[in-house]
Every structure is written in C-alpha cells, then in structure tokens.
Protein backbone atom coordinates (compact mmCIF):
# COMPACT_ATOMS: atom_id res chain seq x y z
CA ASP A 1 -7.70 -2.80 9.80
CA GLY A 2 -11.26 -4.05 10.23
CA SER A 3 -10.72 -7.41 8.56
CA ASN A 4 -11.21 -10.88 9.96
CA GLY A 5 -10.74 -14.38 8.64
CA CYS A 6 -13.75 -14.26 6.30
CA VAL A 7 -14.15 -10.66 5.14
CA GLN A 8 -11.99 -7.63 4.38
CA PRO A 9 -13.02 -3.95 4.50
CA TYR A 10 -14.56 -2.32 1.43
CA ALA A 11 -12.06 -0.71 -0.90
CA GLU A 12 -13.07 0.94 -4.16
CA GLY A 13 -16.63 -0.34 -3.76
CA LEU A 14 -15.76 -4.02 -3.27
CA ALA A 15 -15.06 -6.17 -0.22
CA ALA A 16 -13.30 -9.52 -0.28
CA VAL A 17 -15.27 -12.38 1.30
CA ARG A 18 -14.34 -16.00 1.88
CA THR A 19 -17.06 -18.53 1.16
CA VAL A 20 -17.45 -22.17 2.10
CA SER A 21 -16.23 -24.57 -0.55
CA PRO A 22 -16.41 -28.36 -0.19
CA ALA A 23 -13.54 -28.65 -2.67
CA HIS A 24 -11.22 -26.36 -0.66
CA GLU A 25 -10.59 -26.86 3.05
CA TYR A 26 -10.33 -23.14 3.81
CA GLY A 27 -12.93 -21.91 1.31
CA LEU A 28 -12.46 -19.58 -1.64
CA TRP A 29 -12.36 -15.79 -1.88
CA GLY A 30 -14.50 -13.55 -4.05
CA PHE A 31 -15.78 -9.97 -3.80
CA ILE A 32 -19.14 -8.42 -2.95
CA ASP A 33 -20.38 -4.98 -3.99
CA LEU A 34 -21.82 -2.27 -1.72
CA GLN A 35 -25.27 -3.92 -1.92
CA GLY A 36 -23.86 -7.24 -0.71
CA ARG A 37 -24.20 -8.94 -4.11
CA MET A 38 -21.45 -11.24 -5.32
CA ALA A 39 -19.52 -9.13 -7.86
CA ILE A 40 -16.58 -11.51 -8.42
CA THR A 41 -17.29 -15.22 -8.08
CA PRO A 42 -15.22 -16.91 -5.35
CA ARG A 43 -12.37 -18.77 -7.01
CA PHE A 44 -9.21 -17.48 -5.32
CA THR A 45 -7.29 -19.12 -2.47
CA GLU A 46 -6.16 -15.69 -1.18
CA VAL A 47 -6.85 -12.06 -2.11
CA ASP A 48 -6.04 -8.54 -1.04
CA SER A 49 -8.25 -5.45 -1.24
CA PHE A 50 -8.54 -3.34 -4.37
CA SER A 51 -6.07 -0.49 -4.68
CA GLN A 52 -5.79 1.74 -7.74
CA GLY A 53 -8.27 -0.46 -9.63
CA LEU A 54 -6.45 -3.77 -9.11
CA ALA A 55 -6.49 -6.44 -6.43
CA ALA A 56 -3.82 -9.04 -5.78
CA ALA A 57 -5.29 -12.54 -6.03
CA ASN A 58 -3.81 -16.00 -5.60
CA GLU A 59 -4.88 -18.86 -7.83
CA GLY A 60 -2.93 -22.07 -8.20
CA GLY A 61 -0.32 -20.99 -5.66
CA LYS A 62 0.78 -17.85 -7.53
CA TRP A 63 -0.28 -14.22 -7.19
CA GLY A 64 -1.43 -11.91 -9.96
CA TYR A 65 -3.77 -8.92 -10.23
CA ILE A 66 -7.44 -8.76 -11.21
CA ASN A 67 -9.70 -5.87 -12.22
CA PRO A 68 -13.13 -5.15 -10.66
CA LYS A 69 -14.74 -7.60 -13.11
CA GLY A 70 -12.49 -10.43 -11.87
CA ASP A 71 -10.44 -10.60 -15.08
CA TRP A 72 -6.70 -11.13 -14.86
CA VAL A 73 -4.82 -7.94 -15.76
CA ILE A 74 -1.49 -9.38 -14.61
CA PRO A 75 -1.61 -13.21 -14.70
CA PRO A 76 -0.58 -15.19 -11.60
CA GLN A 77 3.21 -15.40 -11.58
CA PHE A 78 4.46 -14.02 -8.24
CA ASP A 79 5.15 -15.73 -4.92
CA GLU A 80 3.92 -12.62 -3.04
CA ALA A 81 2.13 -9.46 -4.20
CA GLY A 82 1.34 -6.13 -2.52
CA LEU A 83 -1.02 -3.23 -3.08
CA PHE A 84 -0.57 -0.73 -5.91
CA ASN A 85 0.24 2.82 -4.86
CA ALA A 86 -1.07 6.04 -6.41
CA LYS A 87 1.94 6.16 -8.75
CA GLY A 88 1.08 2.71 -10.15
CA PHE A 89 3.73 0.55 -8.48
CA ALA A 90 3.52 -2.51 -6.22
CA PHE A 91 6.04 -4.72 -4.40
CA VAL A 92 6.15 -8.37 -5.51
CA PHE A 93 8.39 -11.31 -4.65
CA SER A 94 9.35 -13.70 -7.42
CA ASP A 95 12.38 -15.71 -8.52
CA GLY A 96 13.95 -15.26 -5.08
CA ALA A 97 13.91 -11.44 -5.15
CA HIS A 98 11.68 -8.46 -4.40
CA HIS A 99 10.75 -6.14 -7.25
CA LEU A 100 8.66 -3.08 -7.91
CA ILE A 101 6.28 -3.68 -10.81
CA ASN A 102 4.07 -1.34 -12.80
CA ARG A 103 0.39 -1.85 -13.64
CA THR A 104 1.27 -4.03 -16.64
CA GLY A 105 3.33 -6.40 -14.48
CA GLN A 106 6.66 -5.18 -15.84
CA ARG A 107 9.47 -5.32 -13.29
CA VAL A 108 10.80 -1.78 -13.06
CA LYS A 109 13.24 -2.14 -10.16
CA LYS A 110 14.80 -4.98 -8.20
CA THR A 111 14.96 -4.18 -4.50
CA PRO A 112 17.35 -5.51 -1.87
CA PRO A 113 16.13 -8.51 0.14
CA LEU A 114 13.45 -7.22 2.49
CA HIS A 115 10.66 -8.22 4.77
CA LEU A 116 7.61 -6.03 4.25
CA TYR A 117 5.71 -5.14 7.38
CA TRP A 118 3.42 -2.86 5.41
CA SER A 119 2.92 -2.74 1.69
CA PRO A 120 2.43 0.69 0.11
CA GLY A 121 -0.99 1.43 -1.24
CA ARG A 122 -3.85 3.31 0.34
CA ALA A 123 -1.98 4.67 3.35
CA GLY A 124 0.95 6.75 2.15
CA ASP A 125 4.33 6.78 0.51
CA LEU A 126 6.53 4.74 2.85
CA ALA A 127 6.68 1.01 3.49
CA SER A 128 8.14 -0.43 6.69
CA VAL A 129 10.75 -3.06 5.86
CA THR A 130 13.65 -4.96 7.36
CA VAL A 131 16.65 -5.10 5.04
CA ASN A 132 19.21 -7.41 6.61
CA ALA A 133 18.95 -5.26 9.78
CA PRO A 134 19.11 -2.54 10.93
CA MET A 135 15.48 -1.45 10.51
CA GLN A 136 14.86 0.89 7.57
CA LEU A 137 12.05 2.56 5.66
CA TRP A 138 11.62 2.28 1.91
CA ASN A 139 10.40 5.22 -0.19
CA ARG A 140 8.05 3.69 -2.76
CA HIS A 141 8.38 6.64 -5.16
CA ASN A 142 12.13 6.72 -5.66
CA GLY A 143 13.19 3.29 -4.40
CA GLN A 144 15.55 4.77 -1.81
CA ARG A 145 16.05 3.42 1.68
CA ILE A 146 15.70 5.74 4.65
CA ALA A 147 17.93 4.80 7.57
CA LEU A 148 16.52 4.87 11.08
CA PRO A 149 18.51 5.16 14.30
CA THR A 150 20.38 1.90 14.89
CA ASP A 151 18.53 1.20 18.15
CA ILE A 152 15.12 0.98 16.43
CA GLY A 153 14.07 -2.66 16.59
CA GLU A 154 10.52 -2.53 15.25
CA VAL A 155 8.36 -0.26 13.08
CA HIS A 156 4.66 -0.43 12.25
CA PRO A 157 2.46 0.89 9.42
CA PRO A 158 2.26 4.70 9.21
CA GLN A 159 -0.69 6.21 11.07
CA GLY A 160 -1.76 9.83 10.76
CA GLY A 161 1.57 10.94 9.30
CA LEU A 162 3.60 9.22 12.02
CA ILE A 163 5.41 5.89 12.00
CA PRO A 164 5.16 3.99 15.30
CA ALA A 165 8.54 2.53 16.26
CA ALA A 166 10.08 0.72 19.23
CA ARG A 167 13.60 0.71 20.60
C-alpha cells in the first residue's frame, strides 16, 4: 500500500507522518499537506488515512474521527476504527462488538463477531472478514454476508475487481 512505519500514502491531499517525540516512545502522528507542510499537528498515537473527509485517529487509547483541520468530528470512543466508505459508513469495534457507524458516530448496525482483513473505504464495496469460520465476505452496503466455498482458507483485499483467495 506504499506505507511504512513513519509515513502513509497521500489520501485526499494529506499524508499521515510519525514524528519523533521525547514524551512518547514511538512518536506521534500528524498529517502533512501536498507541499510537505504540517497541516495537522502530531498528537495522535495512531492514525489511518483520510477517507470521505474523515480520518480515524487514536488519542488516549481510543479511536475517533478527525476532519482535515484536525478537529474531532466523532470523539475517541472506539477500540478499533476503519475507513469510511462512499456511502458514509465505517466498521468500528467497541463494547465487545463490531458495528457499522455513520458519519456522526451513530451505530447503525451491529455485526456478527468478525476479524477484518480489509476495511471498506477507498477500494470498493466488500470487506474481507472471518466470521467464526468459514471464510466469508461482508457487503458494506447492505450488511449481508457472502458465503465462499468451504475450502477457502484465506482472502485478501480486493484488487482490480478480483478478490485473491487461497484454498
């Protein structure tokens, strides 16, 4: 995906960068603009790229969502947080369960226990998940599971309209 331990690819005109911080062993994350100027001051322990105008950010051990100015739109409250898709939904994990939330942070659907291999966002409509085996896909638009053949043991993020899988 083009990222490494200190920088993520540009998305929506901003790239996440980790900076050295004497107060934090692993540094803090902020965002730079296309000219390389610091656009959002490093203050987050973890971040994800911007998607649909919001980026997941971790502060104080909880995830929330910030706007391109670095302001909290959805305050930190989740144990995990994924990218927003074009329909305005994201997967989060909180209170021991996975949920789909909307852009205001409202939980719109509780999902079965799952392990996300790929969170919906920039790359399409399906997310690869494991739901208490066997391997399945999850349609992010309607919340329905799509069964795969029972001998599929691994799936990867969709690429070019195809979903790499292994038996």
